Amino acid sequence: LMNEVHSFKNNGTQDLEFMIVGVASQ
C-alpha cells in the first residue's frame, strides 16, 4: 500500500523475477 516501506531479497538459487502492477494516486 501507499507509504509502506518494502524490500525484496533473492535468497534462492535462481533469479527472483516479478511482474509489478502499480496504481498511482496522481
PDB file of all heavy atoms in Angstrom:
ATOM      1  N   LEU A   1       0.827  -1.203   0.000  1.00  0.00           N
ATOM      2  CA  LEU A   1       0.000   0.000   0.000  1.00  0.00           C
ATOM      3  C   LEU A   1       0.865   1.258   0.000  1.00  0.00           C
ATOM      4  O   LEU A   1       2.066   1.199   0.258  1.00  0.00           O
ATOM      5  CB  LEU A   1      -0.927  -0.002   1.211  1.00  0.00           C
ATOM      6  CG  LEU A   1      -1.876  -1.199   1.319  1.00  0.00           C
ATOM      7  CD1 LEU A   1      -2.687  -1.125   2.597  1.00  0.00           C
ATOM      8  CD2 LEU A   1      -2.773  -1.300   0.100  1.00  0.00           C
ATOM      9  N   MET A   2       0.248   2.406  -0.266  1.00  0.00           N
ATOM     10  CA  MET A   2       0.972   3.675  -0.268  1.00  0.00           C
ATOM     11  C   MET A   2       1.718   3.876   1.040  1.00  0.00           C
ATOM     12  O   MET A   2       1.187   3.581   2.108  1.00  0.00           O
ATOM     13  CB  MET A   2       0.000   4.844  -0.473  1.00  0.00           C
ATOM     14  CG  MET A   2      -0.519   4.958  -1.864  1.00  0.00           C
ATOM     15  SD  MET A   2      -1.578   6.404  -2.010  1.00  0.00           S
ATOM     16  CE  MET A   2      -2.710   5.838  -3.256  1.00  0.00           C
ATOM     17  N   ASN A   3       2.943   4.357   0.928  1.00  0.00           N
ATOM     18  CA  ASN A   3       3.810   4.683   2.064  1.00  0.00           C
ATOM     19  C   ASN A   3       4.304   3.486   2.865  1.00  0.00           C
ATOM     20  O   ASN A   3       4.943   3.669   3.897  1.00  0.00           O
ATOM     21  CB  ASN A   3       3.152   5.695   3.009  1.00  0.00           C
ATOM     22  CG  ASN A   3       3.411   7.105   2.549  1.00  0.00           C
ATOM     23  OD1 ASN A   3       4.520   7.453   2.171  1.00  0.00           O
ATOM     24  ND2 ASN A   3       2.380   7.922   2.573  1.00  0.00           N
ATOM     25  N   GLU A   4       4.028   2.267   2.438  1.00  0.00           N
ATOM     26  CA  GLU A   4       4.557   1.115   3.151  1.00  0.00           C
ATOM     27  C   GLU A   4       6.006   0.883   2.720  1.00  0.00           C
ATOM     28  O   GLU A   4       6.301   0.790   1.527  1.00  0.00           O
ATOM     29  CB  GLU A   4       3.725  -0.140   2.882  1.00  0.00           C
ATOM     30  CG  GLU A   4       2.387  -0.100   3.558  1.00  0.00           C
ATOM     31  CD  GLU A   4       1.623  -1.401   3.473  1.00  0.00           C
ATOM     32  OE1 GLU A   4       1.697  -2.095   2.439  1.00  0.00           O
ATOM     33  OE2 GLU A   4       0.936  -1.721   4.453  1.00  0.00           O
ATOM     34  N   VAL A   5       6.894   0.812   3.697  1.00  0.00           N
ATOM     35  CA  VAL A   5       8.300   0.542   3.414  1.00  0.00           C
ATOM     36  C   VAL A   5       8.418  -0.933   3.044  1.00  0.00           C
ATOM     37  O   VAL A   5       7.902  -1.803   3.753  1.00  0.00           O
ATOM     38  CB  VAL A   5       9.181   0.862   4.640  1.00  0.00           C
ATOM     39  CG1 VAL A   5      10.629   0.507   4.366  1.00  0.00           C
ATOM     40  CG2 VAL A   5       9.052   2.341   5.013  1.00  0.00           C
ATOM     41  N   HIS A   6       9.079  -1.199   1.917  1.00  0.00           N
ATOM     42  CA  HIS A   6       9.168  -2.572   1.440  1.00  0.00           C
ATOM     43  C   HIS A   6      10.509  -2.851   0.770  1.00  0.00           C
ATOM     44  O   HIS A   6      11.190  -1.936   0.309  1.00  0.00           O
ATOM     45  CB  HIS A   6       8.022  -2.895   0.481  1.00  0.00           C
ATOM     46  CG  HIS A   6       7.932  -1.975  -0.698  1.00  0.00           C
ATOM     47  ND1 HIS A   6       7.445  -0.689  -0.609  1.00  0.00           N
ATOM     48  CD2 HIS A   6       8.271  -2.150  -1.993  1.00  0.00           C
ATOM     49  CE1 HIS A   6       7.480  -0.117  -1.800  1.00  0.00           C
ATOM     50  NE2 HIS A   6       7.989  -0.991  -2.666  1.00  0.00           N
ATOM     51  N   SER A   7      10.856  -4.130   0.742  1.00  0.00           N
ATOM     52  CA  SER A   7      12.046  -4.583   0.032  1.00  0.00           C
ATOM     53  C   SER A   7      11.896  -6.064  -0.275  1.00  0.00           C
ATOM     54  O   SER A   7      11.107  -6.765   0.366  1.00  0.00           O
ATOM     55  CB  SER A   7      13.315  -4.340   0.851  1.00  0.00           C
ATOM     56  OG  SER A   7      13.314  -5.146   2.000  1.00  0.00           O
ATOM     57  N   PHE A   8      12.654  -6.507  -1.257  1.00  0.00           N
ATOM     58  CA  PHE A   8      12.641  -7.904  -1.665  1.00  0.00           C
ATOM     59  C   PHE A   8      14.076  -8.379  -1.796  1.00  0.00           C
ATOM     60  O   PHE A   8      14.940  -7.643  -2.272  1.00  0.00           O
ATOM     61  CB  PHE A   8      11.895  -8.063  -2.998  1.00  0.00           C
ATOM     62  CG  PHE A   8      10.457  -7.672  -2.886  1.00  0.00           C
ATOM     63  CD1 PHE A   8      10.052  -6.375  -3.162  1.00  0.00           C
ATOM     64  CD2 PHE A   8       9.506  -8.582  -2.471  1.00  0.00           C
ATOM     65  CE1 PHE A   8       8.728  -5.998  -3.036  1.00  0.00           C
ATOM     66  CE2 PHE A   8       8.179  -8.216  -2.337  1.00  0.00           C
ATOM     67  CZ  PHE A   8       7.792  -6.919  -2.628  1.00  0.00           C
ATOM     68  N   LYS A   9      14.311  -9.609  -1.353  1.00  0.00           N
ATOM     69  CA  LYS A   9      15.655 -10.179  -1.406  1.00  0.00           C
ATOM     70  C   LYS A   9      15.590 -11.561  -2.042  1.00  0.00           C
ATOM     71  O   LYS A   9      14.692 -12.354  -1.730  1.00  0.00           O
ATOM     72  CB  LYS A   9      16.244 -10.290  -0.001  1.00  0.00           C
ATOM     73  CG  LYS A   9      17.640 -10.863   0.012  1.00  0.00           C
ATOM     74  CD  LYS A   9      18.205 -10.929   1.411  1.00  0.00           C
ATOM     75  CE  LYS A   9      19.607 -11.508   1.358  1.00  0.00           C
ATOM     76  NZ  LYS A   9      20.203 -11.612   2.680  1.00  0.00           N
ATOM     77  N   ASN A  10      16.546 -11.831  -2.914  1.00  0.00           N
ATOM     78  CA  ASN A  10      16.643 -13.148  -3.522  1.00  0.00           C
ATOM     79  C   ASN A  10      17.590 -13.998  -2.686  1.00  0.00           C
ATOM     80  O   ASN A  10      18.788 -13.769  -2.678  1.00  0.00           O
ATOM     81  CB  ASN A  10      17.155 -13.042  -4.959  1.00  0.00           C
ATOM     82  CG  ASN A  10      17.207 -14.388  -5.653  1.00  0.00           C
ATOM     83  OD1 ASN A  10      17.109 -15.420  -5.017  1.00  0.00           O
ATOM     84  ND2 ASN A  10      17.371 -14.368  -6.956  1.00  0.00           N
ATOM     85  N   ASN A  11      17.043 -14.969  -1.972  1.00  0.00           N
ATOM     86  CA  ASN A  11      17.885 -15.905  -1.237  1.00  0.00           C
ATOM     87  C   ASN A  11      17.755 -17.316  -1.808  1.00  0.00           C
ATOM     88  O   ASN A  11      18.066 -18.293  -1.150  1.00  0.00           O
ATOM     89  CB  ASN A  11      17.595 -15.877   0.272  1.00  0.00           C
ATOM     90  CG  ASN A  11      16.132 -16.099   0.586  1.00  0.00           C
ATOM     91  OD1 ASN A  11      15.362 -16.536  -0.262  1.00  0.00           O
ATOM     92  ND2 ASN A  11      15.736 -15.784   1.804  1.00  0.00           N
ATOM     93  N   GLY A  12      17.314 -17.380  -3.062  1.00  0.00           N
ATOM     94  CA  GLY A  12      17.180 -18.649  -3.759  1.00  0.00           C
ATOM     95  C   GLY A  12      18.387 -18.935  -4.639  1.00  0.00           C
ATOM     96  O   GLY A  12      19.414 -18.254  -4.560  1.00  0.00           O
ATOM     97  N   THR A  13      18.247 -19.923  -5.513  1.00  0.00           N
ATOM     98  CA  THR A  13      19.350 -20.354  -6.370  1.00  0.00           C
ATOM     99  C   THR A  13      19.214 -19.897  -7.817  1.00  0.00           C
ATOM    100  O   THR A  13      20.092 -20.168  -8.629  1.00  0.00           O
ATOM    101  CB  THR A  13      19.462 -21.891  -6.353  1.00  0.00           C
ATOM    102  OG1 THR A  13      18.222 -22.443  -6.820  1.00  0.00           O
ATOM    103  CG2 THR A  13      19.766 -22.400  -4.951  1.00  0.00           C
ATOM    104  N   GLN A  14      18.122 -19.216  -8.130  1.00  0.00           N
ATOM    105  CA  GLN A  14      17.916 -18.678  -9.475  1.00  0.00           C
ATOM    106  C   GLN A  14      17.364 -17.262  -9.374  1.00  0.00           C
ATOM    107  O   GLN A  14      17.039 -16.810  -8.286  1.00  0.00           O
ATOM    108  CB  GLN A  14      16.989 -19.580 -10.280  1.00  0.00           C
ATOM    109  CG  GLN A  14      15.643 -19.837  -9.618  1.00  0.00           C
ATOM    110  CD  GLN A  14      14.825 -20.865 -10.362  1.00  0.00           C
ATOM    111  OE1 GLN A  14      14.841 -20.894 -11.585  1.00  0.00           O
ATOM    112  NE2 GLN A  14      14.102 -21.706  -9.641  1.00  0.00           N
ATOM    113  N   ASP A  15      17.277 -16.563 -10.496  1.00  0.00           N
ATOM    114  CA  ASP A  15      16.761 -15.192 -10.470  1.00  0.00           C
ATOM    115  C   ASP A  15      15.368 -15.152  -9.842  1.00  0.00           C
ATOM    116  O   ASP A  15      14.540 -16.030 -10.084  1.00  0.00           O
ATOM    117  CB  ASP A  15      16.686 -14.612 -11.880  1.00  0.00           C
ATOM    118  CG  ASP A  15      18.042 -14.238 -12.439  1.00  0.00           C
ATOM    119  OD1 ASP A  15      19.042 -14.319 -11.701  1.00  0.00           O
ATOM    120  OD2 ASP A  15      18.101 -13.866 -13.627  1.00  0.00           O
ATOM    121  N   LEU A  16      15.129 -14.118  -9.024  1.00  0.00           N
ATOM    122  CA  LEU A  16      13.814 -13.852  -8.453  1.00  0.00           C
ATOM    123  C   LEU A  16      13.178 -12.800  -9.354  1.00  0.00           C
ATOM    124  O   LEU A  16      13.665 -11.677  -9.464  1.00  0.00           O
ATOM    125  CB  LEU A  16      13.951 -13.332  -7.017  1.00  0.00           C
ATOM    126  CG  LEU A  16      12.673 -12.966  -6.277  1.00  0.00           C
ATOM    127  CD1 LEU A  16      11.705 -14.149  -6.203  1.00  0.00           C
ATOM    128  CD2 LEU A  16      12.998 -12.450  -4.887  1.00  0.00           C
ATOM    129  N   GLU A  17      12.092 -13.196 -10.017  1.00  0.00           N
ATOM    130  CA  GLU A  17      11.512 -12.363 -11.066  1.00  0.00           C
ATOM    131  C   GLU A  17      10.077 -11.973 -10.715  1.00  0.00           C
ATOM    132  O   GLU A  17       9.284 -12.819 -10.306  1.00  0.00           O
ATOM    133  CB  GLU A  17      11.537 -13.156 -12.371  1.00  0.00           C
ATOM    134  CG  GLU A  17      11.119 -12.408 -13.578  1.00  0.00           C
ATOM    135  CD  GLU A  17      11.236 -13.263 -14.833  1.00  0.00           C
ATOM    136  OE1 GLU A  17      11.566 -14.462 -14.750  1.00  0.00           O
ATOM    137  OE2 GLU A  17      10.977 -12.704 -15.900  1.00  0.00           O
ATOM    138  N   PHE A  18       9.786 -10.689 -10.861  1.00  0.00           N
ATOM    139  CA  PHE A  18       8.473 -10.145 -10.525  1.00  0.00           C
ATOM    140  C   PHE A  18       7.824  -9.443 -11.711  1.00  0.00           C
ATOM    141  O   PHE A  18       8.514  -8.814 -12.520  1.00  0.00           O
ATOM    142  CB  PHE A  18       8.590  -9.059  -9.444  1.00  0.00           C
ATOM    143  CG  PHE A  18       9.127  -9.498  -8.138  1.00  0.00           C
ATOM    144  CD1 PHE A  18      10.474  -9.379  -7.845  1.00  0.00           C
ATOM    145  CD2 PHE A  18       8.282 -10.004  -7.162  1.00  0.00           C
ATOM    146  CE1 PHE A  18      10.991  -9.751  -6.622  1.00  0.00           C
ATOM    147  CE2 PHE A  18       8.787 -10.381  -5.926  1.00  0.00           C
ATOM    148  CZ  PHE A  18      10.133 -10.264  -5.662  1.00  0.00           C
ATOM    149  N   MET A  19       6.509  -9.489 -11.740  1.00  0.00           N
ATOM    150  CA  MET A  19       5.710  -8.565 -12.530  1.00  0.00           C
ATOM    151  C   MET A  19       5.110  -7.626 -11.489  1.00  0.00           C
ATOM    152  O   MET A  19       4.529  -8.081 -10.495  1.00  0.00           O
ATOM    153  CB  MET A  19       4.591  -9.268 -13.291  1.00  0.00           C
ATOM    154  CG  MET A  19       3.657  -8.290 -13.991  1.00  0.00           C
ATOM    155  SD  MET A  19       2.342  -9.074 -14.947  1.00  0.00           S
ATOM    156  CE  MET A  19       1.451  -9.955 -13.678  1.00  0.00           C
ATOM    157  N   ILE A  20       5.262  -6.314 -11.698  1.00  0.00           N
ATOM    158  CA  ILE A  20       4.774  -5.335 -10.741  1.00  0.00           C
ATOM    159  C   ILE A  20       3.653  -4.526 -11.384  1.00  0.00           C
ATOM    160  O   ILE A  20       3.836  -3.941 -12.451  1.00  0.00           O
ATOM    161  CB  ILE A  20       5.895  -4.378 -10.296  1.00  0.00           C
ATOM    162  CG1 ILE A  20       7.104  -5.159  -9.788  1.00  0.00           C
ATOM    163  CG2 ILE A  20       5.378  -3.411  -9.232  1.00  0.00           C
ATOM    164  CD1 ILE A  20       8.350  -4.317  -9.647  1.00  0.00           C
ATOM    165  N   VAL A  21       2.509  -4.503 -10.719  1.00  0.00           N
ATOM    166  CA  VAL A  21       1.383  -3.684 -11.169  1.00  0.00           C
ATOM    167  C   VAL A  21       1.221  -2.564 -10.156  1.00  0.00           C
ATOM    168  O   VAL A  21       1.056  -2.827  -8.958  1.00  0.00           O
ATOM    169  CB  VAL A  21       0.091  -4.515 -11.274  1.00  0.00           C
ATOM    170  CG1 VAL A  21      -1.078  -3.635 -11.688  1.00  0.00           C
ATOM    171  CG2 VAL A  21       0.273  -5.677 -12.246  1.00  0.00           C
ATOM    172  N   GLY A  22       1.313  -1.322 -10.621  1.00  0.00           N
ATOM    173  CA  GLY A  22       1.201  -0.173  -9.742  1.00  0.00           C
ATOM    174  C   GLY A  22       0.030   0.710 -10.119  1.00  0.00           C
ATOM    175  O   GLY A  22      -0.298   0.848 -11.292  1.00  0.00           O
ATOM    176  N   VAL A  23      -0.585   1.281  -9.110  1.00  0.00           N
ATOM    177  CA  VAL A  23      -1.680   2.227  -9.323  1.00  0.00           C
ATOM    178  C   VAL A  23      -1.313   3.514  -8.582  1.00  0.00           C
ATOM    179  O   VAL A  23      -1.128   3.509  -7.369  1.00  0.00           O
ATOM    180  CB  VAL A  23      -3.022   1.673  -8.800  1.00  0.00           C
ATOM    181  CG1 VAL A  23      -4.127   2.701  -8.994  1.00  0.00           C
ATOM    182  CG2 VAL A  23      -3.359   0.366  -9.470  1.00  0.00           C
ATOM    183  N   ALA A  24      -1.192   4.607  -9.336  1.00  0.00           N
ATOM    184  CA  ALA A  24      -0.797   5.890  -8.767  1.00  0.00           C
ATOM    185  C   ALA A  24      -2.019   6.700  -8.364  1.00  0.00           C
ATOM    186  O   ALA A  24      -3.047   6.662  -9.034  1.00  0.00           O
ATOM    187  CB  ALA A  24       0.026   6.686  -9.777  1.00  0.00           C
ATOM    188  N   SER A  25      -1.876   7.435  -7.273  1.00  0.00           N
ATOM    189  CA  SER A  25      -2.970   8.302  -6.832  1.00  0.00           C
ATOM    190  C   SER A  25      -3.065   9.552  -7.701  1.00  0.00           C
ATOM    191  O   SER A  25      -4.102  10.207  -7.738  1.00  0.00           O
ATOM    192  CB  SER A  25      -2.789   8.698  -5.362  1.00  0.00           C
ATOM    193  OG  SER A  25      -1.599   9.441  -5.201  1.00  0.00           O
ATOM    194  N   GLN A  26      -1.967   9.855  -8.409  1.00  0.00           N
ATOM    195  CA  GLN A  26      -1.935  11.009  -9.299  1.00  0.00           C
ATOM    196  C   GLN A  26      -1.244  10.597 -10.586  1.00  0.00           C
ATOM    197  O   GLN A  26      -0.135  10.046 -10.554  1.00  0.00           O
ATOM    198  CB  GLN A  26      -1.168  12.149  -8.632  1.00  0.00           C
ATOM    199  CG  GLN A  26      -1.190  13.434  -9.410  1.00  0.00           C
ATOM    200  CD  GLN A  26      -0.452  14.541  -8.651  1.00  0.00           C
ATOM    201  OE1 GLN A  26      -0.017  14.382  -7.515  1.00  0.00           O
ATOM    202  NE2 GLN A  26      -0.302  15.674  -9.306  1.00  0.00           N
TER     203      GLN A  26
END
